[in-house]
C-alpha cells in the first residue's frame, strides 16, 4: 500500500537520525513536515504516478535541507 511506502522511509529516517545524534526538537519538526508533505502528495494522487513521485522527491529534498539547517543550528548551540 502507498501508506506503507511513505511511512517506512519516514520511520527509517527517524531511527537512523536517532542512532547518529539525539533527536532534537528541530529534527522532530523536520520529520513532521516530511510526513505532512508526503501525506499531501498522497492526497493529491490516488495512485502511483510520475507526478506523485516528483512530489515525494520534492518532500525528500525539503527534508534534507531542513535536516542540514537543523544540524547547522545545533552546531551553533
PDB file of N, CA and C in Angstrom:
ATOM      1  N   UNK A   1       0.814  -1.185   0.000  1.00  0.00           N
ATOM      2  CA  UNK A   1       0.000   0.000   0.000  1.00  0.00           C
ATOM      3  C   UNK A   1       0.857   1.247   0.000  1.00  0.00           C
ATOM      4  N   UNK A   2       0.294   2.328  -0.442  1.00  0.00           N
ATOM      5  CA  UNK A   2       1.001   3.596  -0.537  1.00  0.00           C
ATOM      6  C   UNK A   2       1.375   4.143   0.837  1.00  0.00           C
ATOM      7  N   UNK A   3       0.539   3.927   1.829  1.00  0.00           N
ATOM      8  CA  UNK A   3       0.831   4.427   3.171  1.00  0.00           C
ATOM      9  C   UNK A   3       2.102   3.784   3.691  1.00  0.00           C
ATOM     10  N   UNK A   4       2.264   2.509   3.449  1.00  0.00           N
ATOM     11  CA  UNK A   4       3.463   1.802   3.882  1.00  0.00           C
ATOM     12  C   UNK A   4       4.686   2.383   3.179  1.00  0.00           C
ATOM     13  N   UNK A   5       4.556   2.715   1.897  1.00  0.00           N
ATOM     14  CA  UNK A   5       5.655   3.279   1.127  1.00  0.00           C
ATOM     15  C   UNK A   5       6.136   4.589   1.746  1.00  0.00           C
ATOM     16  N   UNK A   6       5.215   5.381   2.247  1.00  0.00           N
ATOM     17  CA  UNK A   6       5.561   6.666   2.842  1.00  0.00           C
ATOM     18  C   UNK A   6       6.017   6.503   4.281  1.00  0.00           C
ATOM     19  N   UNK A   7       5.329   5.679   5.026  1.00  0.00           N
ATOM     20  CA  UNK A   7       5.591   5.542   6.451  1.00  0.00           C
ATOM     21  C   UNK A   7       6.935   4.873   6.725  1.00  0.00           C
ATOM     22  N   UNK A   8       7.284   3.851   5.956  1.00  0.00           N
ATOM     23  CA  UNK A   8       8.519   3.104   6.195  1.00  0.00           C
ATOM     24  C   UNK A   8       9.766   3.976   6.057  1.00  0.00           C
ATOM     25  N   UNK A   9       9.909   4.764   4.974  1.00  0.00           N
ATOM     26  CA  UNK A   9      11.105   5.621   4.895  1.00  0.00           C
ATOM     27  C   UNK A   9      11.154   6.666   6.006  1.00  0.00           C
ATOM     28  N   UNK A  10      10.018   7.192   6.384  1.00  0.00           N
ATOM     29  CA  UNK A  10       9.991   8.186   7.452  1.00  0.00           C
ATOM     30  C   UNK A  10      10.472   7.566   8.756  1.00  0.00           C
ATOM     31  N   UNK A  11       9.982   6.398   9.080  1.00  0.00           N
ATOM     32  CA  UNK A  11      10.402   5.744  10.312  1.00  0.00           C
ATOM     33  C   UNK A  11      11.883   5.351  10.249  1.00  0.00           C
ATOM     34  N   UNK A  12      12.344   4.936   9.084  1.00  0.00           N
ATOM     35  CA  UNK A  12      13.763   4.610   8.927  1.00  0.00           C
ATOM     36  C   UNK A  12      14.618   5.842   9.159  1.00  0.00           C
ATOM     37  N   UNK A  13      14.176   6.954   8.604  1.00  0.00           N
ATOM     38  CA  UNK A  13      14.910   8.200   8.775  1.00  0.00           C
ATOM     39  C   UNK A  13      14.966   8.598  10.243  1.00  0.00           C
ATOM     40  N   UNK A  14      13.837   8.489  10.926  1.00  0.00           N
ATOM     41  CA  UNK A  14      13.806   8.827  12.347  1.00  0.00           C
ATOM     42  C   UNK A  14      14.723   7.897  13.146  1.00  0.00           C
ATOM     43  N   UNK A  15      14.713   6.611  12.807  1.00  0.00           N
ATOM     44  CA  UNK A  15      15.551   5.653  13.508  1.00  0.00           C
ATOM     45  C   UNK A  15      17.027   5.948  13.276  1.00  0.00           C
ATOM     46  N   UNK A  16      17.400   6.194  12.017  1.00  0.00           N
ATOM     47  CA  UNK A  16      18.794   6.487  11.710  1.00  0.00           C
ATOM     48  C   UNK A  16      19.241   7.795  12.343  1.00  0.00           C
ATOM     49  N   UNK A  17      18.369   8.773  12.333  1.00  0.00           N
ATOM     50  CA  UNK A  17      18.701  10.044  12.982  1.00  0.00           C
ATOM     51  C   UNK A  17      18.940   9.837  14.465  1.00  0.00           C
ATOM     52  N   UNK A  18      18.143   9.004  15.072  1.00  0.00           N
ATOM     53  CA  UNK A  18      18.287   8.738  16.498  1.00  0.00           C
ATOM     54  C   UNK A  18      19.600   8.022  16.787  1.00  0.00           C
ATOM     55  N   UNK A  19      20.035   7.182  15.882  1.00  0.00           N
ATOM     56  CA  UNK A  19      21.292   6.463  16.068  1.00  0.00           C
ATOM     57  C   UNK A  19      22.489   7.385  15.898  1.00  0.00           C
ATOM     58  N   UNK A  20      22.386   8.336  14.989  1.00  0.00           N
ATOM     59  CA  UNK A  20      23.509   9.208  14.682  1.00  0.00           C
ATOM     60  C   UNK A  20      23.652  10.350  15.683  1.00  0.00           C
ATOM     61  N   UNK A  21      22.563  10.891  16.118  1.00  0.00           N
ATOM     62  CA  UNK A  21      22.592  12.014  17.037  1.00  0.00           C
ATOM     63  C   UNK A  21      21.268  12.064  17.782  1.00  0.00           C
ATOM     64  N   UNK A  22      21.256  12.801  18.872  1.00  0.00           N
ATOM     65  CA  UNK A  22      19.988  12.911  19.599  1.00  0.00           C
ATOM     66  C   UNK A  22      18.915  13.562  18.736  1.00  0.00           C
ATOM     67  N   UNK A  23      17.675  13.151  18.936  1.00  0.00           N
ATOM     68  CA  UNK A  23      16.561  13.713  18.182  1.00  0.00           C
ATOM     69  C   UNK A  23      16.211  15.054  18.804  1.00  0.00           C
ATOM     70  N   UNK A  24      16.627  16.095  18.144  1.00  0.00           N
ATOM     71  CA  UNK A  24      16.380  17.446  18.648  1.00  0.00           C
ATOM     72  C   UNK A  24      14.967  17.887  18.257  1.00  0.00           C
ATOM     73  N   UNK A  25      14.458  18.903  18.900  1.00  0.00           N
ATOM     74  CA  UNK A  25      13.147  19.433  18.502  1.00  0.00           C
ATOM     75  C   UNK A  25      13.130  19.875  17.037  1.00  0.00           C
ATOM     76  N   UNK A  26      14.260  20.403  16.570  1.00  0.00           N
ATOM     77  CA  UNK A  26      14.329  20.838  15.169  1.00  0.00           C
ATOM     78  C   UNK A  26      14.201  19.656  14.218  1.00  0.00           C
ATOM     79  N   UNK A  27      14.863  18.540  14.545  1.00  0.00           N
ATOM     80  CA  UNK A  27      14.766  17.349  13.698  1.00  0.00           C
ATOM     81  C   UNK A  27      13.368  16.743  13.768  1.00  0.00           C
ATOM     82  N   UNK A  28      12.754  16.808  14.923  1.00  0.00           N
ATOM     83  CA  UNK A  28      11.376  16.327  15.045  1.00  0.00           C
ATOM     84  C   UNK A  28      10.448  17.157  14.161  1.00  0.00           C
ATOM     85  N   UNK A  29      10.688  18.464  14.130  1.00  0.00           N
ATOM     86  CA  UNK A  29       9.887  19.344  13.281  1.00  0.00           C
ATOM     87  C   UNK A  29      10.097  18.996  11.812  1.00  0.00           C
ATOM     88  N   UNK A  30      11.331  18.725  11.426  1.00  0.00           N
ATOM     89  CA  UNK A  30      11.623  18.328  10.040  1.00  0.00           C
ATOM     90  C   UNK A  30      10.878  17.043   9.681  1.00  0.00           C
ATOM     91  N   UNK A  31      10.904  16.084  10.591  1.00  0.00           N
ATOM     92  CA  UNK A  31      10.229  14.810  10.339  1.00  0.00           C
ATOM     93  C   UNK A  31       8.723  15.013  10.208  1.00  0.00           C
ATOM     94  N   UNK A  32       8.159  15.878  11.045  1.00  0.00           N
ATOM     95  CA  UNK A  32       6.722  16.149  10.973  1.00  0.00           C
ATOM     96  C   UNK A  32       6.375  16.815   9.646  1.00  0.00           C
ATOM     97  N   UNK A  33       7.206  17.766   9.222  1.00  0.00           N
ATOM     98  CA  UNK A  33       6.973  18.429   7.942  1.00  0.00           C
ATOM     99  C   UNK A  33       7.080  17.434   6.790  1.00  0.00           C
ATOM    100  N   UNK A  34       8.034  16.510   6.884  1.00  0.00           N
ATOM    101  CA  UNK A  34       8.205  15.478   5.857  1.00  0.00           C
ATOM    102  C   UNK A  34       6.952  14.617   5.765  1.00  0.00           C
ATOM    103  N   UNK A  35       6.461  14.197   6.906  1.00  0.00           N
ATOM    104  CA  UNK A  35       5.259  13.361   6.938  1.00  0.00           C
ATOM    105  C   UNK A  35       4.071  14.099   6.319  1.00  0.00           C
ATOM    106  N   UNK A  36       3.877  15.353   6.711  1.00  0.00           N
ATOM    107  CA  UNK A  36       2.763  16.137   6.184  1.00  0.00           C
ATOM    108  C   UNK A  36       2.904  16.361   4.680  1.00  0.00           C
ATOM    109  N   UNK A  37       4.113  16.602   4.229  1.00  0.00           N
ATOM    110  CA  UNK A  37       4.355  16.810   2.800  1.00  0.00           C
ATOM    111  C   UNK A  37       3.993  15.544   2.015  1.00  0.00           C
ATOM    112  N   UNK A  38       4.448  14.393   2.495  1.00  0.00           N
ATOM    113  CA  UNK A  38       4.161  13.143   1.790  1.00  0.00           C
ATOM    114  C   UNK A  38       2.676  12.792   1.851  1.00  0.00           C
ATOM    115  N   UNK A  39       2.027  13.131   2.949  1.00  0.00           N
ATOM    116  CA  UNK A  39       0.584  12.914   3.034  1.00  0.00           C
ATOM    117  C   UNK A  39      -0.133  13.776   2.006  1.00  0.00           C
ATOM    118  N   UNK A  40       0.323  14.998   1.838  1.00  0.00           N
ATOM    119  CA  UNK A  40      -0.254  15.895   0.851  1.00  0.00           C
ATOM    120  C   UNK A  40      -0.069  15.330  -0.562  1.00  0.00           C
ATOM    121  N   UNK A  41       1.098  14.780  -0.825  1.00  0.00           N
ATOM    122  CA  UNK A  41       1.347  14.158  -2.130  1.00  0.00           C
ATOM    123  C   UNK A  41       0.384  13.005  -2.364  1.00  0.00           C
ATOM    124  N   UNK A  42       0.182  12.200  -1.343  1.00  0.00           N
ATOM    125  CA  UNK A  42      -0.715  11.052  -1.467  1.00  0.00           C
ATOM    126  C   UNK A  42      -2.158  11.490  -1.656  1.00  0.00           C
ATOM    127  N   UNK A  43      -2.544  12.586  -1.002  1.00  0.00           N
ATOM    128  CA  UNK A  43      -3.923  13.062  -1.100  1.00  0.00           C
ATOM    129  C   UNK A  43      -4.234  13.623  -2.483  1.00  0.00           C
ATOM    130  N   UNK A  44      -3.228  14.156  -3.154  1.00  0.00           N
ATOM    131  CA  UNK A  44      -3.464  14.758  -4.470  1.00  0.00           C
ATOM    132  C   UNK A  44      -3.427  13.724  -5.588  1.00  0.00           C
ATOM    133  N   UNK A  45      -2.854  12.562  -5.329  1.00  0.00           N
ATOM    134  CA  UNK A  45      -2.791  11.499  -6.333  1.00  0.00           C
ATOM    135  C   UNK A  45      -3.272  10.203  -5.701  1.00  0.00           C
ATOM    136  N   UNK A  46      -4.188   9.546  -6.366  1.00  0.00           N
ATOM    137  CA  UNK A  46      -4.747   8.323  -5.786  1.00  0.00           C
ATOM    138  C   UNK A  46      -3.919   7.087  -6.103  1.00  0.00           C
ATOM    139  N   UNK A  47      -3.055   7.176  -7.089  1.00  0.00           N
ATOM    140  CA  UNK A  47      -2.226   6.014  -7.409  1.00  0.00           C
ATOM    141  C   UNK A  47      -0.808   6.470  -7.703  1.00  0.00           C
ATOM    142  N   UNK A  48       0.087   5.504  -7.842  1.00  0.00           N
ATOM    143  CA  UNK A  48       1.490   5.816  -8.088  1.00  0.00           C
ATOM    144  C   UNK A  48       1.640   6.407  -9.490  1.00  0.00           C
ATOM    145  N   UNK A  49       1.918   7.675  -9.530  1.00  0.00           N
ATOM    146  CA  UNK A  49       2.108   8.355 -10.800  1.00  0.00           C
ATOM    147  C   UNK A  49       3.436   9.094 -10.769  1.00  0.00           C
ATOM    148  N   UNK A  50       3.870   9.525 -11.938  1.00  0.00           N
ATOM    149  CA  UNK A  50       5.108  10.276 -12.008  1.00  0.00           C
ATOM    150  C   UNK A  50       4.979  11.585 -11.223  1.00  0.00           C
ATOM    151  N   UNK A  51       3.811  12.215 -11.299  1.00  0.00           N
ATOM    152  CA  UNK A  51       3.589  13.465 -10.564  1.00  0.00           C
ATOM    153  C   UNK A  51       3.727  13.230  -9.063  1.00  0.00           C
ATOM    154  N   UNK A  52       3.183  12.130  -8.578  1.00  0.00           N
ATOM    155  CA  UNK A  52       3.279  11.822  -7.147  1.00  0.00           C
ATOM    156  C   UNK A  52       4.731  11.536  -6.766  1.00  0.00           C
ATOM    157  N   UNK A  53       5.432  10.797  -7.612  1.00  0.00           N
ATOM    158  CA  UNK A  53       6.845  10.512  -7.346  1.00  0.00           C
ATOM    159  C   UNK A  53       7.658  11.799  -7.290  1.00  0.00           C
ATOM    160  N   UNK A  54       7.382  12.725  -8.204  1.00  0.00           N
ATOM    161  CA  UNK A  54       8.078  14.012  -8.190  1.00  0.00           C
ATOM    162  C   UNK A  54       7.759  14.789  -6.922  1.00  0.00           C
ATOM    163  N   UNK A  55       6.511  14.741  -6.515  1.00  0.00           N
ATOM    164  CA  UNK A  55       6.092  15.417  -5.287  1.00  0.00           C
ATOM    165  C   UNK A  55       6.843  14.845  -4.086  1.00  0.00           C
ATOM    166  N   UNK A  56       6.913  13.539  -3.992  1.00  0.00           N
ATOM    167  CA  UNK A  56       7.603  12.891  -2.871  1.00  0.00           C
ATOM    168  C   UNK A  56       9.096  13.200  -2.915  1.00  0.00           C
ATOM    169  N   UNK A  57       9.673  13.230  -4.114  1.00  0.00           N
ATOM    170  CA  UNK A  57      11.085  13.588  -4.227  1.00  0.00           C
ATOM    171  C   UNK A  57      11.328  15.011  -3.747  1.00  0.00           C
ATOM    172  N   UNK A  58      10.385  15.898  -4.019  1.00  0.00           N
ATOM    173  CA  UNK A  58      10.499  17.267  -3.531  1.00  0.00           C
ATOM    174  C   UNK A  58      10.424  17.283  -1.998  1.00  0.00           C
ATOM    175  N   UNK A  59       9.561  16.458  -1.440  1.00  0.00           N
ATOM    176  CA  UNK A  59       9.478  16.349   0.021  1.00  0.00           C
ATOM    177  C   UNK A  59      10.814  15.891   0.599  1.00  0.00           C
ATOM    178  N   UNK A  60      11.434  14.932  -0.047  1.00  0.00           N
ATOM    179  CA  UNK A  60      12.730  14.421   0.415  1.00  0.00           C
ATOM    180  C   UNK A  60      13.785  15.515   0.342  1.00  0.00           C
ATOM    181  N   UNK A  61      13.786  16.273  -0.756  1.00  0.00           N
ATOM    182  CA  UNK A  61      14.734  17.382  -0.883  1.00  0.00           C
ATOM    183  C   UNK A  61      14.517  18.410   0.226  1.00  0.00           C
ATOM    184  N   UNK A  62      13.257  18.706   0.514  1.00  0.00           N
ATOM    185  CA  UNK A  62      12.938  19.656   1.583  1.00  0.00           C
ATOM    186  C   UNK A  62      13.379  19.113   2.938  1.00  0.00           C
ATOM    187  N   UNK A  63      13.218  17.812   3.139  1.00  0.00           N
ATOM    188  CA  UNK A  63      13.640  17.190   4.397  1.00  0.00           C
ATOM    189  C   UNK A  63      15.152  17.277   4.548  1.00  0.00           C
ATOM    190  N   UNK A  64      15.867  17.000   3.468  1.00  0.00           N
ATOM    191  CA  UNK A  64      17.326  17.079   3.521  1.00  0.00           C
ATOM    192  C   UNK A  64      17.789  18.492   3.844  1.00  0.00           C
ATOM    193  N   UNK A  65      17.149  19.490   3.249  1.00  0.00           N
ATOM    194  CA  UNK A  65      17.504  20.886   3.524  1.00  0.00           C
ATOM    195  C   UNK A  65      17.168  21.245   4.966  1.00  0.00           C
ATOM    196  N   UNK A  66      16.018  20.797   5.431  1.00  0.00           N
ATOM    197  CA  UNK A  66      15.601  21.061   6.809  1.00  0.00           C
ATOM    198  C   UNK A  66      16.576  20.419   7.786  1.00  0.00           C
ATOM    199  N   UNK A  67      16.957  19.185   7.513  1.00  0.00           N
ATOM    200  CA  UNK A  67      17.888  18.469   8.390  1.00  0.00           C
ATOM    201  C   UNK A  67      19.241  19.161   8.421  1.00  0.00           C
ATOM    202  N   UNK A  68      19.719  19.604   7.275  1.00  0.00           N
ATOM    203  CA  UNK A  68      21.003  20.316   7.217  1.00  0.00           C
ATOM    204  C   UNK A  68      20.934  21.604   8.029  1.00  0.00           C
ATOM    205  N   UNK A  69      19.819  22.306   7.901  1.00  0.00           N
ATOM    206  CA  UNK A  69      19.636  23.544   8.648  1.00  0.00           C
ATOM    207  C   UNK A  69      19.557  23.262  10.154  1.00  0.00           C
ATOM    208  N   UNK A  70      18.851  22.215  10.525  1.00  0.00           N
ATOM    209  CA  UNK A  70      18.741  21.834  11.937  1.00  0.00           C
ATOM    210  C   UNK A  70      20.104  21.428  12.498  1.00  0.00           C
ATOM    211  N   UNK A  71      20.871  20.668  11.720  1.00  0.00           N
ATOM    212  CA  UNK A  71      22.210  20.263  12.157  1.00  0.00           C
ATOM    213  C   UNK A  71      23.103  21.478  12.333  1.00  0.00           C
ATOM    214  N   UNK A  72      23.042  22.426  11.387  1.00  0.00           N
ATOM    215  CA  UNK A  72      23.848  23.638  11.491  1.00  0.00           C
ATOM    216  C   UNK A  72      23.450  24.443  12.727  1.00  0.00           C
ATOM    217  N   UNK A  73      22.162  24.536  12.986  1.00  0.00           N
ATOM    218  CA  UNK A  73      21.676  25.264  14.154  1.00  0.00           C
ATOM    219  C   UNK A  73      22.176  24.610  15.431  1.00  0.00           C
ATOM    220  N   UNK A  74      22.165  23.293  15.472  1.00  0.00           N
ATOM    221  CA  UNK A  74      22.605  22.583  16.669  1.00  0.00           C
ATOM    222  C   UNK A  74      24.113  22.653  16.860  1.00  0.00           C
ATOM    223  N   UNK A  75      24.858  22.867  15.777  1.00  0.00           N
ATOM    224  CA  UNK A  75      26.318  23.047  15.900  1.00  0.00           C
ATOM    225  C   UNK A  75      26.626  24.366  16.597  1.00  0.00           C
ATOM    226  N   UNK A  76      25.770  25.365  16.350  1.00  0.00           N
ATOM    227  CA  UNK A  76      25.968  26.682  16.943  1.00  0.00           C
ATOM    228  C   UNK A  76      25.653  26.658  18.433  1.00  0.00           C
ATOM    229  N   UNK A  77      24.687  25.833  18.831  1.00  0.00           N
ATOM    230  CA  UNK A  77      24.273  25.782  20.249  1.00  0.00           C
ATOM    231  C   UNK A  77      25.381  25.287  21.152  1.00  0.00           C
TER     232      UNK A  77
END
